[in-house]
Amino acid sequence: MAKKADKALKSLKKDIAKLRKQNDQLAKALEETREDQAAAHRELRSLLEERLTAQDAGPGDQAEDHSRDGEEKPEVTEAAERRAVDLSVDLSSVKGTGSGGRVLVKDVEAAADAKQ
């Protein structure tokens, strides 16, 4: 009977060691996940703060963005920027019809049509 008890005790110790190892692995994975979430949260917060700062500044109050030759660069949507590259349109010559004079895709396309 003592041999069976010893064998059962060894088996339990082995199972406990295995469970502790799994627990440690899970704890490590959980910590990595928390670190990833914290980094994502910091990045999201930074982006939101940038957007809020830009909105608070308003279209007339924003710091001017100058190109290399000193001319003011118009505010352009990302889609309009991509379309301008596709159509070989110089954005500095495009008049924006969007909010605050923002250059939209339709503005880029109209400039490309006028160029032809």
C-alpha atoms as a PDB file:
ATOM      1  CA  MET A   1       0.000   0.000   0.000  1.00  0.00           C
ATOM      2  CA  ALA A   2       2.909   2.357   0.766  1.00  0.00           C
ATOM      3  CA  LYS A   3       4.323   1.845  -2.739  1.00  0.00           C
ATOM      4  CA  LYS A   4       1.021   2.870  -4.310  1.00  0.00           C
ATOM      5  CA  ALA A   5       0.890   5.962  -2.093  1.00  0.00           C
ATOM      6  CA  ASP A   6       4.494   6.861  -2.971  1.00  0.00           C
ATOM      7  CA  LYS A   7       3.764   6.372  -6.662  1.00  0.00           C
ATOM      8  CA  ALA A   8       0.612   8.485  -6.427  1.00  0.00           C
ATOM      9  CA  LEU A   9       2.520  11.182  -4.529  1.00  0.00           C
ATOM     10  CA  LYS A  10       5.272  11.267  -7.182  1.00  0.00           C
ATOM     11  CA  SER A  11       2.624  11.498  -9.895  1.00  0.00           C
ATOM     12  CA  LEU A  12       0.942  14.378  -8.084  1.00  0.00           C
ATOM     13  CA  LYS A  13       4.265  16.191  -7.638  1.00  0.00           C
ATOM     14  CA  LYS A  14       4.952  15.737 -11.345  1.00  0.00           C
ATOM     15  CA  ASP A  15       1.491  17.075 -12.241  1.00  0.00           C
ATOM     16  CA  ILE A  16       1.959  20.043  -9.898  1.00  0.00           C
ATOM     17  CA  ALA A  17       5.318  20.864 -11.484  1.00  0.00           C
ATOM     18  CA  LYS A  18       3.736  20.692 -14.944  1.00  0.00           C
ATOM     19  CA  LEU A  19       0.860  22.949 -13.845  1.00  0.00           C
ATOM     20  CA  ARG A  20       3.286  25.457 -12.316  1.00  0.00           C
ATOM     21  CA  LYS A  21       5.235  25.566 -15.565  1.00  0.00           C
ATOM     22  CA  GLN A  22       2.027  26.141 -17.552  1.00  0.00           C
ATOM     23  CA  ASN A  23       0.963  28.815 -15.063  1.00  0.00           C
ATOM     24  CA  ASP A  24       4.302  30.597 -15.481  1.00  0.00           C
ATOM     25  CA  GLN A  25       3.951  30.471 -19.274  1.00  0.00           C
ATOM     26  CA  LEU A  26       0.423  31.877 -19.077  1.00  0.00           C
ATOM     27  CA  ALA A  27       1.537  34.625 -16.703  1.00  0.00           C
ATOM     28  CA  LYS A  28       4.322  35.585 -19.111  1.00  0.00           C
ATOM     29  CA  ALA A  29       1.926  35.612 -22.077  1.00  0.00           C
ATOM     30  CA  LEU A  30      -0.541  37.714 -20.083  1.00  0.00           C
ATOM     31  CA  GLU A  31       2.164  40.227 -19.182  1.00  0.00           C
ATOM     32  CA  GLU A  32       3.236  40.501 -22.832  1.00  0.00           C
ATOM     33  CA  THR A  33      -0.391  41.048 -23.840  1.00  0.00           C
ATOM     34  CA  ARG A  34      -0.754  43.787 -21.216  1.00  0.00           C
ATOM     35  CA  GLU A  35       2.418  45.459 -22.488  1.00  0.00           C
ATOM     36  CA  ASP A  36       1.118  45.296 -26.090  1.00  0.00           C
ATOM     37  CA  GLN A  37      -2.222  46.744 -25.001  1.00  0.00           C
ATOM     38  CA  ALA A  38      -0.495  49.535 -23.089  1.00  0.00           C
ATOM     39  CA  ALA A  39       1.640  50.400 -26.132  1.00  0.00           C
ATOM     40  CA  ALA A  40      -1.434  50.403 -28.393  1.00  0.00           C
ATOM     41  CA  HIS A  41      -3.270  52.587 -25.883  1.00  0.00           C
ATOM     42  CA  ARG A  42      -0.385  55.074 -25.765  1.00  0.00           C
ATOM     43  CA  GLU A  43      -0.268  55.234 -29.567  1.00  0.00           C
ATOM     44  CA  LEU A  44      -4.029  55.700 -29.831  1.00  0.00           C
ATOM     45  CA  ARG A  45      -3.970  58.413 -27.203  1.00  0.00           C
ATOM     46  CA  SER A  46      -1.169  60.196 -29.012  1.00  0.00           C
ATOM     47  CA  LEU A  47      -3.073  60.095 -32.301  1.00  0.00           C
ATOM     48  CA  LEU A  48      -6.238  61.371 -30.634  1.00  0.00           C
ATOM     49  CA  GLU A  49      -4.341  64.197 -28.964  1.00  0.00           C
ATOM     50  CA  GLU A  50      -2.824  65.180 -32.322  1.00  0.00           C
ATOM     51  CA  ARG A  51      -6.247  65.179 -33.961  1.00  0.00           C
ATOM     52  CA  LEU A  52      -7.826  67.178 -31.117  1.00  0.00           C
ATOM     53  CA  THR A  53      -4.986  69.685 -31.201  1.00  0.00           C
ATOM     54  CA  ALA A  54      -5.455  70.116 -34.954  1.00  0.00           C
ATOM     55  CA  GLN A  55      -9.222  70.558 -34.536  1.00  0.00           C
ATOM     56  CA  ASP A  56      -8.785  73.042 -31.677  1.00  0.00           C
ATOM     57  CA  ALA A  57      -6.401  75.102 -33.788  1.00  0.00           C
ATOM     58  CA  GLY A  58      -9.008  75.473 -36.541  1.00  0.00           C
ATOM     59  CA  PRO A  59      -8.236  76.003 -40.218  1.00  0.00           C
ATOM     60  CA  GLY A  60      -6.935  79.568 -39.808  1.00  0.00           C
ATOM     61  CA  ASP A  61      -4.934  78.919 -36.652  1.00  0.00           C
ATOM     62  CA  GLN A  62      -2.954  75.871 -37.733  1.00  0.00           C
ATOM     63  CA  ALA A  63       0.760  76.225 -38.124  1.00  0.00           C
ATOM     64  CA  GLU A  64       1.542  76.766 -41.763  1.00  0.00           C
ATOM     65  CA  ASP A  65       3.070  73.835 -43.588  1.00  0.00           C
ATOM     66  CA  HIS A  66       5.688  75.098 -46.007  1.00  0.00           C
ATOM     67  CA  SER A  67       7.219  73.212 -48.870  1.00  0.00           C
ATOM     68  CA  ARG A  68      10.933  73.439 -49.612  1.00  0.00           C
ATOM     69  CA  ASP A  69      10.587  76.526 -51.799  1.00  0.00           C
ATOM     70  CA  GLY A  70       8.726  78.468 -49.098  1.00  0.00           C
ATOM     71  CA  GLU A  71       5.250  78.313 -50.649  1.00  0.00           C
ATOM     72  CA  GLU A  72       2.294  77.295 -48.506  1.00  0.00           C
ATOM     73  CA  LYS A  73       1.303  73.681 -49.043  1.00  0.00           C
ATOM     74  CA  PRO A  74      -2.480  73.148 -49.203  1.00  0.00           C
ATOM     75  CA  GLU A  75      -4.248  70.724 -46.864  1.00  0.00           C
ATOM     76  CA  VAL A  76      -4.986  67.578 -48.878  1.00  0.00           C
ATOM     77  CA  THR A  77      -6.923  64.389 -48.156  1.00  0.00           C
ATOM     78  CA  GLU A  78      -4.922  61.181 -48.377  1.00  0.00           C
ATOM     79  CA  ALA A  79      -7.086  59.952 -51.247  1.00  0.00           C
ATOM     80  CA  ALA A  80      -6.547  63.217 -53.136  1.00  0.00           C
ATOM     81  CA  GLU A  81      -2.816  62.938 -52.581  1.00  0.00           C
ATOM     82  CA  ARG A  82      -2.768  59.419 -54.051  1.00  0.00           C
ATOM     83  CA  ARG A  83      -4.940  60.534 -56.982  1.00  0.00           C
ATOM     84  CA  ALA A  84      -2.617  63.479 -57.656  1.00  0.00           C
ATOM     85  CA  VAL A  85       0.309  61.089 -57.915  1.00  0.00           C
ATOM     86  CA  ASP A  86      -1.669  58.850 -60.293  1.00  0.00           C
ATOM     87  CA  LEU A  87      -2.617  61.810 -62.513  1.00  0.00           C
ATOM     88  CA  SER A  88       0.718  63.668 -62.162  1.00  0.00           C
ATOM     89  CA  VAL A  89      -0.989  66.763 -60.760  1.00  0.00           C
ATOM     90  CA  ASP A  90       0.987  69.365 -58.797  1.00  0.00           C
ATOM     91  CA  LEU A  91      -1.026  69.880 -55.617  1.00  0.00           C
ATOM     92  CA  SER A  92       0.267  73.400 -55.058  1.00  0.00           C
ATOM     93  CA  SER A  93      -1.680  74.499 -58.135  1.00  0.00           C
ATOM     94  CA  VAL A  94      -4.975  72.905 -57.067  1.00  0.00           C
ATOM     95  CA  LYS A  95      -7.660  75.019 -55.396  1.00  0.00           C
ATOM     96  CA  GLY A  96      -9.439  73.020 -52.700  1.00  0.00           C
ATOM     97  CA  THR A  97     -13.219  73.064 -52.441  1.00  0.00           C
ATOM     98  CA  GLY A  98     -13.422  71.082 -49.229  1.00  0.00           C
ATOM     99  CA  SER A  99     -13.839  72.371 -45.695  1.00  0.00           C
ATOM    100  CA  GLY A 100     -11.294  75.110 -45.011  1.00  0.00           C
ATOM    101  CA  GLY A 101     -10.021  74.912 -48.599  1.00  0.00           C
ATOM    102  CA  ARG A 102      -8.988  71.278 -48.275  1.00  0.00           C
ATOM    103  CA  VAL A 103      -8.088  69.620 -51.575  1.00  0.00           C
ATOM    104  CA  LEU A 104     -10.390  66.714 -52.404  1.00  0.00           C
ATOM    105  CA  VAL A 105     -10.162  63.963 -55.030  1.00  0.00           C
ATOM    106  CA  LYS A 106     -12.660  65.797 -57.236  1.00  0.00           C
ATOM    107  CA  ASP A 107     -10.435  68.912 -57.117  1.00  0.00           C
ATOM    108  CA  VAL A 108      -7.430  66.867 -58.264  1.00  0.00           C
ATOM    109  CA  GLU A 109      -9.441  65.280 -61.078  1.00  0.00           C
ATOM    110  CA  ALA A 110     -10.756  68.691 -62.178  1.00  0.00           C
ATOM    111  CA  ALA A 111      -7.177  70.048 -62.248  1.00  0.00           C
ATOM    112  CA  ALA A 112      -6.073  67.047 -64.321  1.00  0.00           C
ATOM    113  CA  ASP A 113      -8.943  67.594 -66.775  1.00  0.00           C
ATOM    114  CA  ALA A 114      -8.102  71.297 -67.068  1.00  0.00           C
ATOM    115  CA  LYS A 115      -4.470  70.404 -67.750  1.00  0.00           C
ATOM    116  CA  GLN A 116      -5.425  68.334 -70.802  1.00  0.00           C
END
